[in-house]
C-alpha atoms as a PDB file:
ATOM      1  CA  GLN A   1     -14.061  -6.727  -0.990  1.00  0.00           C
ATOM      2  CA  VAL A   2     -12.050  -4.186  -3.018  1.00  0.00           C
ATOM      3  CA  GLN A   3     -10.689  -1.437  -1.390  1.00  0.00           C
ATOM      4  CA  LEU A   4      -9.765   1.604  -2.944  1.00  0.00           C
ATOM      5  CA  VAL A   5      -7.016   4.186  -1.676  1.00  0.00           C
ATOM      6  CA  GLU A   6      -7.295   7.706  -3.973  1.00  0.00           C
ATOM      7  CA  SER A   7      -4.466  10.608  -3.818  1.00  0.00           C
ATOM      8  CA  GLY A   8      -3.728  13.296  -5.785  1.00  0.00           C
ATOM      9  CA  GLY A   9      -5.814  15.981  -5.126  1.00  0.00           C
ATOM     10  CA  GLY A  10      -5.109  19.152  -4.126  1.00  0.00           C
ATOM     11  CA  LEU A  11      -5.085  23.120  -4.616  1.00  0.00           C
ATOM     12  CA  VAL A  12      -4.415  24.348  -8.487  1.00  0.00           C
ATOM     13  CA  GLN A  13      -5.155  27.415 -10.325  1.00  0.00           C
ATOM     14  CA  PRO A  14      -7.551  27.935 -13.718  1.00  0.00           C
ATOM     15  CA  GLY A  15      -5.590  26.064 -16.356  1.00  0.00           C
ATOM     16  CA  GLY A  16      -3.596  24.273 -14.659  1.00  0.00           C
ATOM     17  CA  SER A  17      -2.918  20.244 -13.903  1.00  0.00           C
ATOM     18  CA  LEU A  18      -3.319  17.442 -11.868  1.00  0.00           C
ATOM     19  CA  ARG A  19      -3.087  13.880 -11.932  1.00  0.00           C
ATOM     20  CA  LEU A  20      -5.212  11.860  -9.685  1.00  0.00           C
ATOM     21  CA  SER A  21      -4.247   7.471  -8.558  1.00  0.00           C
ATOM     22  CA  CYS A  22      -6.396   5.314  -7.215  1.00  0.00           C
ATOM     23  CA  ALA A  23      -5.019   2.027  -5.894  1.00  0.00           C
ATOM     24  CA  ALA A  24      -7.198  -0.944  -5.865  1.00  0.00           C
ATOM     25  CA  SER A  25      -6.242  -3.508  -3.636  1.00  0.00           C
ATOM     26  CA  GLY A  26      -7.698  -7.107  -2.104  1.00  0.00           C
ATOM     27  CA  ASN A  27      -9.655  -9.232  -4.457  1.00  0.00           C
ATOM     28  CA  ASN A  28      -9.040  -7.962  -7.759  1.00  0.00           C
ATOM     29  CA  TRP A  29     -10.036 -10.581  -9.779  1.00  0.00           C
ATOM     30  CA  GLY A  30     -13.173 -10.402 -11.402  1.00  0.00           C
ATOM     31  CA  ILE A  31     -12.601  -6.168 -12.053  1.00  0.00           C
ATOM     32  CA  ASN A  32     -14.800  -5.416 -14.779  1.00  0.00           C
ATOM     33  CA  ALA A  33     -14.746  -1.380 -15.077  1.00  0.00           C
ATOM     34  CA  MET A  34     -12.979   1.211 -13.017  1.00  0.00           C
ATOM     35  CA  GLY A  35     -14.209   4.746 -13.311  1.00  0.00           C
ATOM     36  CA  TRP A  36     -13.710   8.432 -11.924  1.00  0.00           C
ATOM     37  CA  TYR A  37     -16.792  10.650 -10.320  1.00  0.00           C
ATOM     38  CA  ARG A  38     -17.041  13.807  -8.761  1.00  0.00           C
ATOM     39  CA  GLN A  39     -19.708  15.579  -6.598  1.00  0.00           C
ATOM     40  CA  ALA A  40     -19.528  19.267  -6.005  1.00  0.00           C
ATOM     41  CA  PRO A  41     -20.995  21.101  -3.321  1.00  0.00           C
ATOM     42  CA  GLY A  42     -24.698  21.116  -3.368  1.00  0.00           C
ATOM     43  CA  LYS A  43     -24.082  18.617  -6.224  1.00  0.00           C
ATOM     44  CA  GLU A  44     -25.048  15.116  -6.974  1.00  0.00           C
ATOM     45  CA  ARG A  45     -22.451  12.934  -7.592  1.00  0.00           C
ATOM     46  CA  GLU A  46     -21.821  12.322 -11.418  1.00  0.00           C
ATOM     47  CA  LEU A  47     -19.603  10.346 -13.939  1.00  0.00           C
ATOM     48  CA  VAL A  48     -16.762  11.586 -14.908  1.00  0.00           C
ATOM     49  CA  ALA A  49     -15.244   9.455 -16.754  1.00  0.00           C
ATOM     50  CA  SER A  50     -15.687   5.062 -17.347  1.00  0.00           C
ATOM     51  CA  LEU A  51     -13.213   2.219 -18.181  1.00  0.00           C
ATOM     52  CA  PRO A  52     -14.749  -0.757 -19.113  1.00  0.00           C
ATOM     53  CA  ILE A  53     -12.283  -3.426 -19.244  1.00  0.00           C
ATOM     54  CA  GLY A  54     -12.166  -4.644 -22.302  1.00  0.00           C
ATOM     55  CA  GLY A  55     -14.435  -2.072 -23.311  1.00  0.00           C
ATOM     56  CA  THR A  56     -14.438   1.776 -24.595  1.00  0.00           C
ATOM     57  CA  ILE A  57     -13.202   4.219 -22.246  1.00  0.00           C
ATOM     58  CA  SER A  58     -16.144   7.254 -22.051  1.00  0.00           C
ATOM     59  CA  TYR A  59     -16.356  10.692 -20.738  1.00  0.00           C
ATOM     60  CA  ALA A  60     -18.523  13.167 -19.391  1.00  0.00           C
ATOM     61  CA  ASP A  61     -18.975  15.863 -22.090  1.00  0.00           C
ATOM     62  CA  PHE A  62     -17.451  18.630 -19.763  1.00  0.00           C
ATOM     63  CA  VAL A  63     -13.970  16.761 -19.706  1.00  0.00           C
ATOM     64  CA  LYS A  64     -13.649  15.715 -23.101  1.00  0.00           C
ATOM     65  CA  GLY A  65     -10.715  17.159 -24.654  1.00  0.00           C
ATOM     66  CA  ARG A  66      -9.251  17.834 -20.649  1.00  0.00           C
ATOM     67  CA  PHE A  67      -9.455  14.375 -19.480  1.00  0.00           C
ATOM     68  CA  THR A  68      -7.494  11.489 -19.523  1.00  0.00           C
ATOM     69  CA  ILE A  69      -8.019   8.174 -17.720  1.00  0.00           C
ATOM     70  CA  SER A  70      -6.203   5.129 -17.176  1.00  0.00           C
ATOM     71  CA  ARG A  71      -4.721   1.969 -15.859  1.00  0.00           C
ATOM     72  CA  ASP A  72      -1.792   0.265 -14.750  1.00  0.00           C
ATOM     73  CA  ASN A  73      -2.460  -3.682 -14.276  1.00  0.00           C
ATOM     74  CA  ALA A  74       0.308  -4.129 -12.692  1.00  0.00           C
ATOM     75  CA  LYS A  75      -0.029  -2.001 -10.119  1.00  0.00           C
ATOM     76  CA  ASN A  76      -4.054  -2.456 -10.303  1.00  0.00           C
ATOM     77  CA  THR A  77      -3.633   1.441 -10.243  1.00  0.00           C
ATOM     78  CA  VAL A  78      -6.263   3.582 -12.283  1.00  0.00           C
ATOM     79  CA  TYR A  79      -5.387   7.215 -13.080  1.00  0.00           C
ATOM     80  CA  LEU A  80      -7.185  10.495 -14.097  1.00  0.00           C
ATOM     81  CA  GLN A  81      -4.816  13.032 -15.565  1.00  0.00           C
ATOM     82  CA  MET A  82      -7.469  16.123 -15.511  1.00  0.00           C
ATOM     83  CA  ASN A  83      -5.718  19.324 -17.283  1.00  0.00           C
ATOM     84  CA  SER A  84      -6.767  22.848 -18.259  1.00  0.00           C
ATOM     85  CA  LEU A  85      -8.907  22.499 -15.039  1.00  0.00           C
ATOM     86  CA  LYS A  86     -11.605  25.040 -14.423  1.00  0.00           C
ATOM     87  CA  PRO A  87     -13.131  26.820 -11.505  1.00  0.00           C
ATOM     88  CA  GLU A  88     -16.388  24.180 -11.817  1.00  0.00           C
ATOM     89  CA  ASP A  89     -14.133  21.146 -11.825  1.00  0.00           C
ATOM     90  CA  THR A  90     -14.048  21.934  -7.897  1.00  0.00           C
ATOM     91  CA  ALA A  91     -14.885  18.525  -6.215  1.00  0.00           C
ATOM     92  CA  VAL A  92     -14.596  15.541  -4.334  1.00  0.00           C
ATOM     93  CA  TYR A  93     -13.163  13.376  -6.656  1.00  0.00           C
ATOM     94  CA  TYR A  94     -14.229   9.032  -6.331  1.00  0.00           C
ATOM     95  CA  CYS A  95     -13.320   6.435  -7.139  1.00  0.00           C
ATOM     96  CA  ASN A  96     -15.378   3.591  -8.058  1.00  0.00           C
ATOM     97  CA  VAL A  97     -14.580  -0.046  -9.206  1.00  0.00           C
ATOM     98  CA  LYS A  98     -16.865  -2.735 -10.332  1.00  0.00           C
ATOM     99  CA  ARG A  99     -16.185  -5.952  -9.128  1.00  0.00           C
ATOM    100  CA  PHE A 100     -18.941  -8.428 -10.843  1.00  0.00           C
ATOM    101  CA  THR A 101     -22.375  -6.597  -9.877  1.00  0.00           C
ATOM    102  CA  VAL A 102     -20.873  -5.196  -7.128  1.00  0.00           C
ATOM    103  CA  ASN A 103     -19.773  -1.330  -6.793  1.00  0.00           C
ATOM    104  CA  TYR A 104     -16.813  -0.065  -4.606  1.00  0.00           C
ATOM    105  CA  TRP A 105     -15.861   3.777  -3.699  1.00  0.00           C
ATOM    106  CA  GLY A 106     -12.184   4.973  -2.562  1.00  0.00           C
ATOM    107  CA  LYS A 107     -13.126   7.551   0.258  1.00  0.00           C
ATOM    108  CA  GLY A 108     -12.773  10.550  -2.199  1.00  0.00           C
ATOM    109  CA  THR A 109      -9.742  12.705  -3.345  1.00  0.00           C
ATOM    110  CA  LEU A 110     -10.604  17.187  -2.583  1.00  0.00           C
ATOM    111  CA  VAL A 111      -9.640  19.350  -6.253  1.00  0.00           C
ATOM    112  CA  THR A 112      -9.824  22.637  -5.958  1.00  0.00           C
ATOM    113  CA  VAL A 113      -9.109  24.849  -8.876  1.00  0.00           C
ATOM    114  CA  SER A 114      -8.938  28.365  -7.813  1.00  0.00           C
ATOM    115  CA  SER A 115      -6.725  31.338  -8.061  1.00  0.00           C
END
């Protein structure tokens, strides 16, 4: 089992920045990918950024150039730095970890972009 705890969401004005964190605990060996998804009201959950261990980072087109995913191995933590935020980025952001073939999810953290 892997437990994920997200933090860092909140209210920010358009053009502002936030950094989300996701700390993983439990059985961390065998993790082969970490990532962030989001779900806006009335919409399906969508991939924001993916960080395969030993692979190539990928981003959804709608965040390229604005968001950066990174990982601190020593802390078993994955981050999402979000810059130039737009109102359409408002959503609940979920951390995802794939361990072998099993997906684990955090409970989500709300990001609201509004003036």
